[in-house]
Structures are given as structure tokens and as C-alpha cells.
Amino acid sequence: MDLKEVMAVNLRRARHDRKITQEELAARAGLSARYVGAIERGDVSSSVTVLGKIADALAIEPADLLKRPKRSAQANR
């Protein structure tokens, strides 16, 4: 999984955990809802500036959006 996909998965999960829509997140981050959707689908790469805006809007650390999922013990077999 490349970092674009990692960010897409983590962004979607963080947004759903907070029960906010793409439109709400976009408004909080000062971005368009279409752009947020494109990031969540992994269609575009975001700049570090946008990464920071999204992280601030979600009240998380930017690095949290780039953490690769841990592999399960079964996946390592």
C-alpha cells in the first residue's frame, strides 16, 4: 500500500470516528469537499500543508494520517 492509499484509509477512518461528513471536514480545513473526497479515494496526493490542515480539522497529529496499518500475526505467516 503506498502512502496515498495509507492516508486515504486513515483519513476516512478518522473522519468516520468523529462522525463528520466530507463537507464538514472540508469546511473545517478550508478545502473543497471534492478535494477531500479525492484524497479519501486515493485519487490525489496532498501537500504537507494540506495534510496539516486536515489533521488540525480532525484534532489529530499529521503523522497519524501517514501511519501504515500494523500487520496482524496471521499476515506474517
C-alpha atoms as a PDB file:
ATOM      1  CA  MET A   1       0.000   0.000   0.000  1.00  0.00           C
ATOM      2  CA  ASP A   2       1.517   3.352  -0.993  1.00  0.00           C
ATOM      3  CA  LEU A   3       1.316   6.430   1.228  1.00  0.00           C
ATOM      4  CA  LYS A   4      -1.523   7.908  -0.823  1.00  0.00           C
ATOM      5  CA  GLU A   5      -3.632   4.832  -0.019  1.00  0.00           C
ATOM      6  CA  VAL A   6      -2.496   4.811   3.616  1.00  0.00           C
ATOM      7  CA  MET A   7      -3.593   8.410   4.011  1.00  0.00           C
ATOM      8  CA  ALA A   8      -6.897   7.697   2.283  1.00  0.00           C
ATOM      9  CA  VAL A   9      -7.719   4.846   4.668  1.00  0.00           C
ATOM     10  CA  ASN A  10      -6.586   6.733   7.776  1.00  0.00           C
ATOM     11  CA  LEU A  11      -8.418   9.913   6.771  1.00  0.00           C
ATOM     12  CA  ARG A  12     -11.676   8.085   6.140  1.00  0.00           C
ATOM     13  CA  ARG A  13     -11.379   6.188   9.433  1.00  0.00           C
ATOM     14  CA  ALA A  14     -10.584   9.329  11.440  1.00  0.00           C
ATOM     15  CA  ARG A  15     -13.464  11.225   9.843  1.00  0.00           C
ATOM     16  CA  HIS A  16     -15.929   8.410  10.459  1.00  0.00           C
ATOM     17  CA  ASP A  17     -14.737   8.050  14.069  1.00  0.00           C
ATOM     18  CA  ARG A  18     -15.659  11.708  14.590  1.00  0.00           C
ATOM     19  CA  LYS A  19     -18.955  11.273  12.734  1.00  0.00           C
ATOM     20  CA  ILE A  20     -18.396  14.189  10.391  1.00  0.00           C
ATOM     21  CA  THR A  21     -19.113  14.403   6.686  1.00  0.00           C
ATOM     22  CA  GLN A  22     -16.619  15.186   3.964  1.00  0.00           C
ATOM     23  CA  GLU A  23     -18.326  18.553   3.613  1.00  0.00           C
ATOM     24  CA  GLU A  24     -17.890  19.335   7.320  1.00  0.00           C
ATOM     25  CA  LEU A  25     -14.245  18.296   7.227  1.00  0.00           C
ATOM     26  CA  ALA A  26     -13.651  20.376   4.106  1.00  0.00           C
ATOM     27  CA  ALA A  27     -15.197  23.453   5.744  1.00  0.00           C
ATOM     28  CA  ARG A  28     -13.109  22.998   8.899  1.00  0.00           C
ATOM     29  CA  ALA A  29      -9.919  22.556   6.867  1.00  0.00           C
ATOM     30  CA  GLY A  30     -10.629  25.308   4.339  1.00  0.00           C
ATOM     31  CA  LEU A  31     -10.698  22.867   1.432  1.00  0.00           C
ATOM     32  CA  SER A  32     -13.272  21.839  -1.139  1.00  0.00           C
ATOM     33  CA  ALA A  33     -15.395  18.787  -0.441  1.00  0.00           C
ATOM     34  CA  ARG A  34     -14.425  17.412  -3.872  1.00  0.00           C
ATOM     35  CA  TYR A  35     -10.746  17.608  -2.937  1.00  0.00           C
ATOM     36  CA  VAL A  36     -11.331  15.871   0.403  1.00  0.00           C
ATOM     37  CA  GLY A  37     -13.240  13.144  -1.452  1.00  0.00           C
ATOM     38  CA  ALA A  38     -10.413  12.744  -3.946  1.00  0.00           C
ATOM     39  CA  ILE A  39      -7.898  12.374  -1.106  1.00  0.00           C
ATOM     40  CA  GLU A  40     -10.103   9.776   0.603  1.00  0.00           C
ATOM     41  CA  ARG A  41     -10.329   7.782  -2.623  1.00  0.00           C
ATOM     42  CA  GLY A  42      -6.563   7.966  -3.097  1.00  0.00           C
ATOM     43  CA  ASP A  43      -7.006   9.786  -6.403  1.00  0.00           C
ATOM     44  CA  VAL A  44      -4.676  12.662  -5.462  1.00  0.00           C
ATOM     45  CA  SER A  45      -1.686  13.252  -3.245  1.00  0.00           C
ATOM     46  CA  SER A  46      -1.954  16.117  -0.803  1.00  0.00           C
ATOM     47  CA  SER A  47       0.800  18.519   0.107  1.00  0.00           C
ATOM     48  CA  VAL A  48       2.176  18.655   3.631  1.00  0.00           C
ATOM     49  CA  THR A  49       0.297  21.939   4.039  1.00  0.00           C
ATOM     50  CA  VAL A  50      -2.999  20.216   3.241  1.00  0.00           C
ATOM     51  CA  LEU A  51      -2.024  17.274   5.442  1.00  0.00           C
ATOM     52  CA  GLY A  52      -1.585  19.735   8.316  1.00  0.00           C
ATOM     53  CA  LYS A  53      -4.921  21.460   7.653  1.00  0.00           C
ATOM     54  CA  ILE A  54      -6.760  18.136   7.631  1.00  0.00           C
ATOM     55  CA  ALA A  55      -5.007  16.941  10.780  1.00  0.00           C
ATOM     56  CA  ASP A  56      -5.874  20.201  12.572  1.00  0.00           C
ATOM     57  CA  ALA A  57      -9.501  19.908  11.446  1.00  0.00           C
ATOM     58  CA  LEU A  58      -9.629  16.355  12.853  1.00  0.00           C
ATOM     59  CA  ALA A  59      -7.669  17.300  16.019  1.00  0.00           C
ATOM     60  CA  ILE A  60      -5.021  14.639  15.348  1.00  0.00           C
ATOM     61  CA  GLU A  61      -1.308  14.647  14.614  1.00  0.00           C
ATOM     62  CA  PRO A  62      -0.402  14.797  10.907  1.00  0.00           C
ATOM     63  CA  ALA A  63       1.711  11.668  11.353  1.00  0.00           C
ATOM     64  CA  ASP A  64      -1.431   9.752  12.342  1.00  0.00           C
ATOM     65  CA  LEU A  65      -2.663  10.137   8.774  1.00  0.00           C
ATOM     66  CA  LEU A  66       0.505   8.526   7.408  1.00  0.00           C
ATOM     67  CA  LYS A  67       0.890   5.567   9.749  1.00  0.00           C
ATOM     68  CA  ARG A  68       0.794   2.285   7.930  1.00  0.00           C
ATOM     69  CA  PRO A  69      -1.584  -0.277   9.419  1.00  0.00           C
ATOM     70  CA  LYS A  70       0.112  -2.841  11.618  1.00  0.00           C
ATOM     71  CA  ARG A  71       0.197  -6.299  10.160  1.00  0.00           C
ATOM     72  CA  SER A  72      -1.613  -8.965  12.066  1.00  0.00           C
ATOM     73  CA  ALA A  73       0.267 -12.017  13.297  1.00  0.00           C
ATOM     74  CA  GLN A  74      -1.603 -14.130  10.766  1.00  0.00           C
ATOM     75  CA  ALA A  75      -0.482 -11.891   7.879  1.00  0.00           C
ATOM     76  CA  ASN A  76       3.141 -12.542   8.813  1.00  0.00           C
ATOM     77  CA  ARG A  77       2.803 -16.317   8.294  1.00  0.00           C
END
